PDB file of N, CA and C in Angstrom:
ATOM      1  N   MET A   1     135.973 115.534  53.337  1.00  0.00           N
ATOM      2  CA  MET A   1     137.499 114.960  54.224  1.00  0.00           C
ATOM      3  C   MET A   1     137.026 114.285  55.598  1.00  0.00           C
ATOM      4  N   ASN A   2     137.330 112.874  55.462  1.00  0.00           N
ATOM      5  CA  ASN A   2     137.146 111.520  56.353  1.00  0.00           C
ATOM      6  C   ASN A   2     137.636 111.959  57.596  1.00  0.00           C
ATOM      7  N   GLU A   3     136.838 111.726  58.450  1.00  0.00           N
ATOM      8  CA  GLU A   3     137.996 111.696  59.858  1.00  0.00           C
ATOM      9  C   GLU A   3     139.036 111.615  60.187  1.00  0.00           C
ATOM     10  N   GLY A   4     140.285 110.690  59.213  1.00  0.00           N
ATOM     11  CA  GLY A   4     141.072 110.520  60.178  1.00  0.00           C
ATOM     12  C   GLY A   4     142.174 111.580  59.046  1.00  0.00           C
ATOM     13  N   THR A   5     141.689 111.795  57.657  1.00  0.00           N
ATOM     14  CA  THR A   5     141.900 113.175  57.339  1.00  0.00           C
ATOM     15  C   THR A   5     142.147 114.489  58.207  1.00  0.00           C
ATOM     16  N   ALA A   6     141.128 114.081  58.990  1.00  0.00           N
ATOM     17  CA  ALA A   6     140.910 115.644  59.693  1.00  0.00           C
ATOM     18  C   ALA A   6     141.973 115.543  61.007  1.00  0.00           C
ATOM     19  N   ARG A   7     141.634 113.846  61.674  1.00  0.00           N
ATOM     20  CA  ARG A   7     142.670 114.110  62.703  1.00  0.00           C
ATOM     21  C   ARG A   7     144.362 114.473  61.849  1.00  0.00           C
ATOM     22  N   PHE A   8     144.640 113.769  61.045  1.00  0.00           N
ATOM     23  CA  PHE A   8     145.731 113.899  60.939  1.00  0.00           C
ATOM     24  C   PHE A   8     146.158 115.317  60.228  1.00  0.00           C
ATOM     25  N   ARG A   9     145.523 116.489  59.640  1.00  0.00           N
ATOM     26  CA  ARG A   9     145.503 117.511  60.598  1.00  0.00           C
ATOM     27  C   ARG A   9     145.721 118.215  61.347  1.00  0.00           C
ATOM     28  N   ALA A  10     144.941 117.938  61.972  1.00  0.00           N
ATOM     29  CA  ALA A  10     144.980 118.797  63.403  1.00  0.00           C
ATOM     30  C   ALA A  10     146.117 118.309  64.440  1.00  0.00           C
ATOM     31  N   HIS A  11     146.835 117.205  63.963  1.00  0.00           N
ATOM     32  CA  HIS A  11     148.108 117.104  64.383  1.00  0.00           C
ATOM     33  C   HIS A  11     149.107 117.884  63.848  1.00  0.00           C
ATOM     34  N   GLY A  12     148.928 118.177  62.849  1.00  0.00           N
ATOM     35  CA  GLY A  12     150.457 119.185  61.883  1.00  0.00           C
ATOM     36  C   GLY A  12     150.068 118.626  60.483  1.00  0.00           C
ATOM     37  N   GLY A  13     149.821 117.310  60.207  1.00  0.00           N
ATOM     38  CA  GLY A  13     149.990 117.110  59.271  1.00  0.00           C
ATOM     39  C   GLY A  13     151.586 116.384  59.103  1.00  0.00           C
ATOM     40  N   GLU A  14     152.130 115.970  57.763  1.00  0.00           N
ATOM     41  CA  GLU A  14     153.362 115.360  57.919  1.00  0.00           C
ATOM     42  C   GLU A  14     154.731 116.061  58.581  1.00  0.00           C
ATOM     43  N   GLY A  15     155.318 115.074  59.137  1.00  0.00           N
ATOM     44  CA  GLY A  15     157.017 115.611  59.896  1.00  0.00           C
ATOM     45  C   GLY A  15     156.880 115.337  61.397  1.00  0.00           C
ATOM     46  N   ARG A  16     155.260 115.256  61.758  1.00  0.00           N
ATOM     47  CA  ARG A  16     155.083 115.477  63.563  1.00  0.00           C
ATOM     48  C   ARG A  16     155.510 114.348  64.150  1.00  0.00           C
ATOM     49  N   LEU A  17     156.039 113.659  65.548  1.00  0.00           N
ATOM     50  CA  LEU A  17     155.982 112.549  65.635  1.00  0.00           C
ATOM     51  C   LEU A  17     155.129 112.540  67.022  1.00  0.00           C
ATOM     52  N   ARG A  18     154.750 110.659  66.865  1.00  0.00           N
ATOM     53  CA  ARG A  18     153.685 110.330  67.783  1.00  0.00           C
ATOM     54  C   ARG A  18     154.850 110.369  69.352  1.00  0.00           C
ATOM     55  N   VAL A  19     153.882 109.974  69.837  1.00  0.00           N
ATOM     56  CA  VAL A  19     154.816 109.960  71.486  1.00  0.00           C
ATOM     57  C   VAL A  19     155.868 108.931  71.182  1.00  0.00           C
ATOM     58  N   ASP A  20     155.579 107.399  70.851  1.00  0.00           N
ATOM     59  CA  ASP A  20     156.749 106.613  70.344  1.00  0.00           C
ATOM     60  C   ASP A  20     157.219 106.761  69.507  1.00  0.00           C
ATOM     61  N   GLY A  21     157.349 107.726  69.090  1.00  0.00           N
ATOM     62  CA  GLY A  21     159.204 108.426  67.837  1.00  0.00           C
ATOM     63  C   GLY A  21     157.969 108.090  66.323  1.00  0.00           C
ATOM     64  N   SER A  22     156.872 107.239  66.467  1.00  0.00           N
ATOM     65  CA  SER A  22     156.813 107.170  64.901  1.00  0.00           C
ATOM     66  C   SER A  22     155.926 108.334  64.010  1.00  0.00           C
ATOM     67  N   ALA A  23     156.168 108.389  62.507  1.00  0.00           N
ATOM     68  CA  ALA A  23     155.703 109.637  62.183  1.00  0.00           C
ATOM     69  C   ALA A  23     153.967 109.524  62.378  1.00  0.00           C
ATOM     70  N   PHE A  24     153.653 110.644  61.650  1.00  0.00           N
ATOM     71  CA  PHE A  24     151.512 110.670  61.569  1.00  0.00           C
ATOM     72  C   PHE A  24     151.789 110.568  59.771  1.00  0.00           C
ATOM     73  N   SER A  25     151.059 109.864  59.423  1.00  0.00           N
ATOM     74  CA  SER A  25     150.894 109.905  58.140  1.00  0.00           C
ATOM     75  C   SER A  25     149.538 109.869  58.080  1.00  0.00           C
ATOM     76  N   GLU A  26     148.810 110.322  57.064  1.00  0.00           N
ATOM     77  CA  GLU A  26     147.353 110.856  56.066  1.00  0.00           C
ATOM     78  C   GLU A  26     147.110 109.597  56.504  1.00  0.00           C
ATOM     79  N   HIS A  27     147.785 108.518  55.730  1.00  0.00           N
ATOM     80  CA  HIS A  27     146.882 106.994  55.412  1.00  0.00           C
ATOM     81  C   HIS A  27     146.622 105.605  56.848  1.00  0.00           C
ATOM     82  N   THR A  28     147.723 106.086  57.821  1.00  0.00           N
ATOM     83  CA  THR A  28     147.688 105.929  58.708  1.00  0.00           C
ATOM     84  C   THR A  28     146.965 106.045  59.920  1.00  0.00           C
ATOM     85  N   ASP A  29     146.259 107.500  59.583  1.00  0.00           N
ATOM     86  CA  ASP A  29     145.237 108.064  60.567  1.00  0.00           C
ATOM     87  C   ASP A  29     144.068 107.384  59.906  1.00  0.00           C
ATOM     88  N   THR A  30     144.061 107.609  58.699  1.00  0.00           N
ATOM     89  CA  THR A  30     142.317 106.940  58.377  1.00  0.00           C
ATOM     90  C   THR A  30     142.239 106.052  58.051  1.00  0.00           C
ATOM     91  N   GLU A  31     143.366 105.024  57.761  1.00  0.00           N
ATOM     92  CA  GLU A  31     143.108 103.067  58.432  1.00  0.00           C
ATOM     93  C   GLU A  31     142.750 103.239  60.171  1.00  0.00           C
ATOM     94  N   ALA A  32     143.549 104.019  60.976  1.00  0.00           N
ATOM     95  CA  ALA A  32     142.852 103.629  62.126  1.00  0.00           C
ATOM     96  C   ALA A  32     141.704 104.158  62.367  1.00  0.00           C
ATOM     97  N   PHE A  33     141.836 105.269  62.194  1.00  0.00           N
ATOM     98  CA  PHE A  33     139.954 105.168  62.300  1.00  0.00           C
ATOM     99  C   PHE A  33     139.019 104.846  62.045  1.00  0.00           C
ATOM    100  N   ALA A  34     138.893 104.321  60.831  1.00  0.00           N
ATOM    101  CA  ALA A  34     138.103 103.196  60.299  1.00  0.00           C
ATOM    102  C   ALA A  34     138.476 102.332  61.258  1.00  0.00           C
ATOM    103  N   ALA A  35     139.251 101.335  61.310  1.00  0.00           N
ATOM    104  CA  ALA A  35     139.273 100.593  61.818  1.00  0.00           C
ATOM    105  C   ALA A  35     138.533 100.767  63.605  1.00  0.00           C
ATOM    106  N   GLU A  36     138.929 101.785  64.383  1.00  0.00           N
ATOM    107  CA  GLU A  36     138.441 102.311  65.205  1.00  0.00           C
ATOM    108  C   GLU A  36     136.269 102.520  65.027  1.00  0.00           C
ATOM    109  N   GLU A  37     135.798 103.290  63.939  1.00  0.00           N
ATOM    110  CA  GLU A  37     135.023 103.046  63.811  1.00  0.00           C
ATOM    111  C   GLU A  37     133.793 102.132  63.518  1.00  0.00           C
ATOM    112  N   PHE A  38     134.386 100.481  62.762  1.00  0.00           N
ATOM    113  CA  PHE A  38     134.466  99.260  63.048  1.00  0.00           C
ATOM    114  C   PHE A  38     134.544  98.819  63.870  1.00  0.00           C
ATOM    115  N   VAL A  39     134.635  99.067  65.146  1.00  0.00           N
ATOM    116  CA  VAL A  39     134.713  98.482  66.119  1.00  0.00           C
ATOM    117  C   VAL A  39     133.817  98.502  67.368  1.00  0.00           C
ATOM    118  N   ALA A  40     133.495 100.210  67.158  1.00  0.00           N
ATOM    119  CA  ALA A  40     132.141 100.929  67.729  1.00  0.00           C
ATOM    120  C   ALA A  40     130.954 100.836  67.241  1.00  0.00           C
ATOM    121  N   ARG A  41     130.846 100.268  65.969  1.00  0.00           N
ATOM    122  CA  ARG A  41     129.734  99.873  65.231  1.00  0.00           C
ATOM    123  C   ARG A  41     129.277  98.365  65.843  1.00  0.00           C
ATOM    124  N   VAL A  42     130.518  97.903  66.290  1.00  0.00           N
ATOM    125  CA  VAL A  42     130.162  96.312  66.436  1.00  0.00           C
ATOM    126  C   VAL A  42     129.369  96.409  67.943  1.00  0.00           C
ATOM    127  N   TYR A  43     130.346  97.252  68.634  1.00  0.00           N
ATOM    128  CA  TYR A  43     130.044  97.188  70.132  1.00  0.00           C
ATOM    129  C   TYR A  43     129.048  98.399  70.448  1.00  0.00           C
ATOM    130  N   GLY A  44     128.790  98.843  69.204  1.00  0.00           N
ATOM    131  CA  GLY A  44     127.118  99.775  69.583  1.00  0.00           C
ATOM    132  C   GLY A  44     127.294 100.992  70.633  1.00  0.00           C
ATOM    133  N   VAL A  45     128.590 101.153  70.023  1.00  0.00           N
ATOM    134  CA  VAL A  45     128.899 102.527  70.150  1.00  0.00           C
ATOM    135  C   VAL A  45     129.626 103.797  69.728  1.00  0.00           C
ATOM    136  N   GLY A  46     129.919 105.315  69.606  1.00  0.00           N
ATOM    137  CA  GLY A  46     130.117 105.507  68.845  1.00  0.00           C
ATOM    138  C   GLY A  46     131.930 105.718  68.075  1.00  0.00           C
ATOM    139  N   PRO A  47     132.660 105.925  67.926  1.00  0.00           N
ATOM    140  CA  PRO A  47     133.558 106.373  68.189  1.00  0.00           C
ATOM    141  C   PRO A  47     133.956 106.922  68.627  1.00  0.00           C
ATOM    142  N   ASP A  48     135.136 107.726  68.661  1.00  0.00           N
ATOM    143  CA  ASP A  48     135.296 109.082  69.050  1.00  0.00           C
ATOM    144  C   ASP A  48     136.078 110.064  68.597  1.00  0.00           C
ATOM    145  N   ARG A  49     134.960 111.105  67.716  1.00  0.00           N
ATOM    146  CA  ARG A  49     134.991 112.205  67.090  1.00  0.00           C
ATOM    147  C   ARG A  49     135.782 113.749  66.891  1.00  0.00           C
ATOM    148  N   THR A  50     136.080 113.301  68.405  1.00  0.00           N
ATOM    149  CA  THR A  50     137.133 114.355  68.854  1.00  0.00           C
ATOM    150  C   THR A  50     138.158 115.169  67.375  1.00  0.00           C
ATOM    151  N   VAL A  51     138.216 115.800  67.347  1.00  0.00           N
ATOM    152  CA  VAL A  51     139.689 115.962  66.565  1.00  0.00           C
ATOM    153  C   VAL A  51     140.502 117.258  66.672  1.00  0.00           C
ATOM    154  N   GLY A  52     141.139 117.538  67.239  1.00  0.00           N
ATOM    155  CA  GLY A  52     141.676 118.614  67.566  1.00  0.00           C
ATOM    156  C   GLY A  52     144.154 118.273  68.611  1.00  0.00           C
ATOM    157  N   HIS A  53     144.123 119.249  68.789  1.00  0.00           N
ATOM    158  CA  HIS A  53     145.662 119.213  69.469  1.00  0.00           C
ATOM    159  C   HIS A  53     145.167 118.416  70.794  1.00  0.00           C
ATOM    160  N   ASN A  54     144.119 118.533  71.635  1.00  0.00           N
ATOM    161  CA  ASN A  54     143.166 118.197  72.841  1.00  0.00           C
ATOM    162  C   ASN A  54     143.258 117.194  73.015  1.00  0.00           C
ATOM    163  N   ASP A  55     142.730 116.415  71.503  1.00  0.00           N
ATOM    164  CA  ASP A  55     142.074 114.676  71.498  1.00  0.00           C
ATOM    165  C   ASP A  55     143.115 113.720  72.245  1.00  0.00           C
ATOM    166  N   LYS A  56     142.354 113.073  72.561  1.00  0.00           N
ATOM    167  CA  LYS A  56     143.159 111.982  73.407  1.00  0.00           C
ATOM    168  C   LYS A  56     143.601 110.459  72.548  1.00  0.00           C
ATOM    169  N   GLY A  57     143.463 110.427  71.302  1.00  0.00           N
ATOM    170  CA  GLY A  57     143.768 109.600  70.445  1.00  0.00           C
ATOM    171  C   GLY A  57     142.641 108.636  70.677  1.00  0.00           C
ATOM    172  N   TYR A  58     142.345 107.993  70.232  1.00  0.00           N
ATOM    173  CA  TYR A  58     141.030 106.346  69.891  1.00  0.00           C
ATOM    174  C   TYR A  58     141.545 105.786  71.344  1.00  0.00           C
ATOM    175  N   ASP A  59     140.066 105.300  71.049  1.00  0.00           N
ATOM    176  CA  ASP A  59     139.528 105.089  73.278  1.00  0.00           C
ATOM    177  C   ASP A  59     139.539 103.819  73.358  1.00  0.00           C
ATOM    178  N   PHE A  60     139.699 103.262  72.052  1.00  0.00           N
ATOM    179  CA  PHE A  60     140.157 101.394  71.354  1.00  0.00           C
ATOM    180  C   PHE A  60     139.846 100.926  70.531  1.00  0.00           C
ATOM    181  N   VAL A  61     140.511  99.485  70.825  1.00  0.00           N
ATOM    182  CA  VAL A  61     140.442  99.291  68.796  1.00  0.00           C
ATOM    183  C   VAL A  61     142.085  98.661  68.949  1.00  0.00           C
ATOM    184  N   LEU A  62     141.207  97.461  68.764  1.00  0.00           N
ATOM    185  CA  LEU A  62     143.019  96.298  68.114  1.00  0.00           C
ATOM    186  C   LEU A  62     142.350  95.361  67.271  1.00  0.00           C
ATOM    187  N   THR A  63     142.136  95.775  65.584  1.00  0.00           N
ATOM    188  CA  THR A  63     141.965  94.966  65.131  1.00  0.00           C
ATOM    189  C   THR A  63     142.685  94.345  63.742  1.00  0.00           C
ATOM    190  N   VAL A  64     142.483  93.469  62.667  1.00  0.00           N
ATOM    191  CA  VAL A  64     143.043  92.964  62.072  1.00  0.00           C
ATOM    192  C   VAL A  64     142.976  93.096  60.923  1.00  0.00           C
ATOM    193  N   GLY A  65     143.571  93.983  59.981  1.00  0.00           N
ATOM    194  CA  GLY A  65     142.876  94.729  58.040  1.00  0.00           C
ATOM    195  C   GLY A  65     143.327  95.884  57.502  1.00  0.00           C
ATOM    196  N   SER A  66     142.934  95.986  57.250  1.00  0.00           N
ATOM    197  CA  SER A  66     142.722  97.262  56.499  1.00  0.00           C
ATOM    198  C   SER A  66     141.259  97.786  55.330  1.00  0.00           C
ATOM    199  N   ILE A  67     141.549  99.026  54.890  1.00  0.00           N
ATOM    200  CA  ILE A  67     139.855  99.552  54.437  1.00  0.00           C
ATOM    201  C   ILE A  67     139.724  98.896  53.782  1.00  0.00           C
ATOM    202  N   SER A  68     140.203  98.328  52.594  1.00  0.00           N
ATOM    203  CA  SER A  68     140.786  97.987  51.229  1.00  0.00           C
ATOM    204  C   SER A  68     139.867  95.967  52.044  1.00  0.00           C
ATOM    205  N   THR A  69     141.386  95.207  52.563  1.00  0.00           N
ATOM    206  CA  THR A  69     140.486  93.978  52.872  1.00  0.00           C
ATOM    207  C   THR A  69     139.659  93.407  53.891  1.00  0.00           C
ATOM    208  N   GLY A  70     138.804  95.004  54.449  1.00  0.00           N
ATOM    209  CA  GLY A  70     138.189  94.575  55.630  1.00  0.00           C
ATOM    210  C   GLY A  70     138.738  94.278  57.329  1.00  0.00           C
ATOM    211  N   PHE A  71     138.461  94.393  58.373  1.00  0.00           N
ATOM    212  CA  PHE A  71     138.913  94.267  59.638  1.00  0.00           C
ATOM    213  C   PHE A  71     137.943  93.022  60.287  1.00  0.00           C
ATOM    214  N   HIS A  72     138.655  92.374  61.114  1.00  0.00           N
ATOM    215  CA  HIS A  72     138.533  91.534  62.226  1.00  0.00           C
ATOM    216  C   HIS A  72     139.001  91.809  63.186  1.00  0.00           C
ATOM    217  N   ILE A  73     138.303  91.879  64.482  1.00  0.00           N
ATOM    218  CA  ILE A  73     138.212  92.288  66.170  1.00  0.00           C
ATOM    219  C   ILE A  73     139.215  91.069  66.687  1.00  0.00           C
ATOM    220  N   GLU A  74     140.093  91.671  67.849  1.00  0.00           N
ATOM    221  CA  GLU A  74     140.789  90.473  68.143  1.00  0.00           C
ATOM    222  C   GLU A  74     140.448  91.506  69.533  1.00  0.00           C
ATOM    223  N   GLY A  75     140.137  92.209  70.302  1.00  0.00           N
ATOM    224  CA  GLY A  75     139.771  92.298  70.783  1.00  0.00           C
ATOM    225  C   GLY A  75     139.328  94.189  71.384  1.00  0.00           C
ATOM    226  N   TRP A  76     139.732  94.154  72.353  1.00  0.00           N
ATOM    227  CA  TRP A  76     139.752  96.153  72.356  1.00  0.00           C
ATOM    228  C   TRP A  76     140.331  96.280  73.438  1.00  0.00           C
ATOM    229  N   ALA A  77     140.750  97.660  74.041  1.00  0.00           N
ATOM    230  CA  ALA A  77     141.866  98.508  75.165  1.00  0.00           C
ATOM    231  C   ALA A  77     141.690  99.602  75.379  1.00  0.00           C
ATOM    232  N   MET A  78     140.735 100.581  76.615  1.00  0.00           N
ATOM    233  CA  MET A  78     140.994 101.753  76.657  1.00  0.00           C
ATOM    234  C   MET A  78     142.165 102.538  76.245  1.00  0.00           C
ATOM    235  N   ALA A  79     142.664 103.280  76.079  1.00  0.00           N
ATOM    236  CA  ALA A  79     143.517 103.869  75.365  1.00  0.00           C
ATOM    237  C   ALA A  79     144.053 104.055  76.564  1.00  0.00           C
ATOM    238  N   SER A  80     143.819 104.572  77.925  1.00  0.00           N
ATOM    239  CA  SER A  80     144.513 104.801  78.773  1.00  0.00           C
ATOM    240  C   SER A  80     145.140 103.846  79.751  1.00  0.00           C
ATOM    241  N   ASP A  81     144.865 102.198  79.341  1.00  0.00           N
ATOM    242  CA  ASP A  81     145.076 101.205  79.455  1.00  0.00           C
ATOM    243  C   ASP A  81     146.443 101.238  79.442  1.00  0.00           C
ATOM    244  N   LEU A  82     146.089 101.116  77.505  1.00  0.00           N
ATOM    245  CA  LEU A  82     147.676 100.985  76.913  1.00  0.00           C
ATOM    246  C   LEU A  82     148.469 101.010  76.522  1.00  0.00           C
ATOM    247  N   LEU A  83     148.140 103.416  77.008  1.00  0.00           N
ATOM    248  CA  LEU A  83     149.688 103.673  76.771  1.00  0.00           C
ATOM    249  C   LEU A  83     150.053 104.156  78.334  1.00  0.00           C
ATOM    250  N   ASP A  84     149.892 103.048  79.376  1.00  0.00           N
ATOM    251  CA  ASP A  84     150.465 102.923  80.802  1.00  0.00           C
ATOM    252  C   ASP A  84     151.303 102.090  80.304  1.00  0.00           C
ATOM    253  N   ARG A  85     151.153 101.069  79.490  1.00  0.00           N
ATOM    254  CA  ARG A  85     152.214  99.990  79.128  1.00  0.00           C
ATOM    255  C   ARG A  85     153.521 100.594  78.505  1.00  0.00           C
ATOM    256  N   PRO A  86     154.541 100.079  79.068  1.00  0.00           N
ATOM    257  CA  PRO A  86     155.911 100.061  78.620  1.00  0.00           C
ATOM    258  C   PRO A  86     155.887  99.344  76.792  1.00  0.00           C
ATOM    259  N   LEU A  87     157.055 101.255  76.417  1.00  0.00           N
ATOM    260  CA  LEU A  87     157.359 100.697  74.729  1.00  0.00           C
ATOM    261  C   LEU A  87     157.514  99.312  74.814  1.00  0.00           C
ATOM    262  N   ILE A  88     157.400  98.602  73.662  1.00  0.00           N
ATOM    263  CA  ILE A  88     158.271  97.299  73.088  1.00  0.00           C
ATOM    264  C   ILE A  88     158.437  97.364  71.434  1.00  0.00           C
ATOM    265  N   ASP A  89     160.103  97.146  71.451  1.00  0.00           N
ATOM    266  CA  ASP A  89     160.366  97.086  69.918  1.00  0.00           C
ATOM    267  C   ASP A  89     160.406  95.612  69.558  1.00  0.00           C
ATOM    268  N   PHE A  90     159.387  95.815  68.430  1.00  0.00           N
ATOM    269  CA  PHE A  90     159.719  94.671  67.567  1.00  0.00           C
ATOM    270  C   PHE A  90     160.288  94.450  66.373  1.00  0.00           C
ATOM    271  N   GLY A  91     161.568  95.204  66.207  1.00  0.00           N
ATOM    272  CA  GLY A  91     162.398  95.046  64.816  1.00  0.00           C
ATOM    273  C   GLY A  91     161.846  96.695  64.239  1.00  0.00           C
ATOM    274  N   TYR A  92     160.917  97.505  64.766  1.00  0.00           N
ATOM    275  CA  TYR A  92     160.489  98.750  63.230  1.00  0.00           C
ATOM    276  C   TYR A  92     160.880  99.982  64.838  1.00  0.00           C
ATOM    277  N   GLY A  93     160.890  99.390  65.541  1.00  0.00           N
ATOM    278  CA  GLY A  93     161.531 101.021  66.605  1.00  0.00           C
ATOM    279  C   GLY A  93     159.550 101.139  67.995  1.00  0.00           C
ATOM    280  N   PRO A  94     160.264 101.817  68.893  1.00  0.00           N
ATOM    281  CA  PRO A  94     159.399 101.097  69.961  1.00  0.00           C
ATOM    282  C   PRO A  94     157.619 101.430  69.829  1.00  0.00           C
ATOM    283  N   LYS A  95     156.904 100.634  70.215  1.00  0.00           N
ATOM    284  CA  LYS A  95     155.788 101.123  69.755  1.00  0.00           C
ATOM    285  C   LYS A  95     155.297 100.640  71.397  1.00  0.00           C
ATOM    286  N   HIS A  96     153.407 100.848  71.760  1.00  0.00           N
ATOM    287  CA  HIS A  96     152.497 100.868  72.210  1.00  0.00           C
ATOM    288  C   HIS A  96     152.044  99.456  72.343  1.00  0.00           C
ATOM    289  N   ALA A  97     152.139  98.304  72.934  1.00  0.00           N
ATOM    290  CA  ALA A  97     151.888  97.377  73.098  1.00  0.00           C
ATOM    291  C   ALA A  97     151.279  96.302  73.842  1.00  0.00           C
ATOM    292  N   MET A  98     149.940  95.477  73.227  1.00  0.00           N
ATOM    293  CA  MET A  98     149.669  94.639  74.677  1.00  0.00           C
ATOM    294  C   MET A  98     149.428  93.177  74.237  1.00  0.00           C
ATOM    295  N   PRO A  99     149.923  92.024  75.209  1.00  0.00           N
ATOM    296  CA  PRO A  99     149.362  91.075  75.225  1.00  0.00           C
ATOM    297  C   PRO A  99     147.743  90.955  74.473  1.00  0.00           C
ATOM    298  N   ILE A 100     147.451  89.693  73.441  1.00  0.00           N
ATOM    299  CA  ILE A 100     146.584  90.344  73.090  1.00  0.00           C
ATOM    300  C   ILE A 100     145.328  89.667  74.535  1.00  0.00           C
ATOM    301  N   LYS A 101     145.930  87.852  75.160  1.00  0.00           N
ATOM    302  CA  LYS A 101     145.175  87.872  76.050  1.00  0.00           C
ATOM    303  C   LYS A 101     144.672  88.639  77.299  1.00  0.00           C
ATOM    304  N   GLU A 102     145.118  89.964  77.416  1.00  0.00           N
ATOM    305  CA  GLU A 102     144.844  90.627  77.516  1.00  0.00           C
ATOM    306  C   GLU A 102     143.680  91.600  77.422  1.00  0.00           C
ATOM    307  N   LEU A 103     143.551  91.756  76.804  1.00  0.00           N
ATOM    308  CA  LEU A 103     142.212  92.119  75.656  1.00  0.00           C
ATOM    309  C   LEU A 103     141.162  92.230  76.378  1.00  0.00           C
ATOM    310  N   ARG A 104     139.995  92.924  76.366  1.00  0.00           N
ATOM    311  CA  ARG A 104     138.877  92.615  76.273  1.00  0.00           C
ATOM    312  C   ARG A 104     138.259  91.997  75.208  1.00  0.00           C
ATOM    313  N   THR A 105     136.900  91.434  75.812  1.00  0.00           N
ATOM    314  CA  THR A 105     136.590  90.925  74.295  1.00  0.00           C
ATOM    315  C   THR A 105     134.716  91.234  74.751  1.00  0.00           C
TER     316      THR A 105
END
């Protein structure tokens, strides 16, 4: 089992909603962890491997791409910085977002 699948299962699997109202999915959690792991390697740090109901989510990551196409780093932000921002609706429901110019590099 990979880390994304483990997080997905720890969060209760299908049917649970995130704070922003979107549904957890195994595919999304797997892709998200792969992106975090990629960025962590580039910056020479380990990804947050906490799995369970008390994990605080991904510490940082903003990438473009997927496991199959590869990733490109736009920048990074601490989860706490992103979660402190208001939700924005880009047409598919409110999501946490941050302007690229405010990301760390």
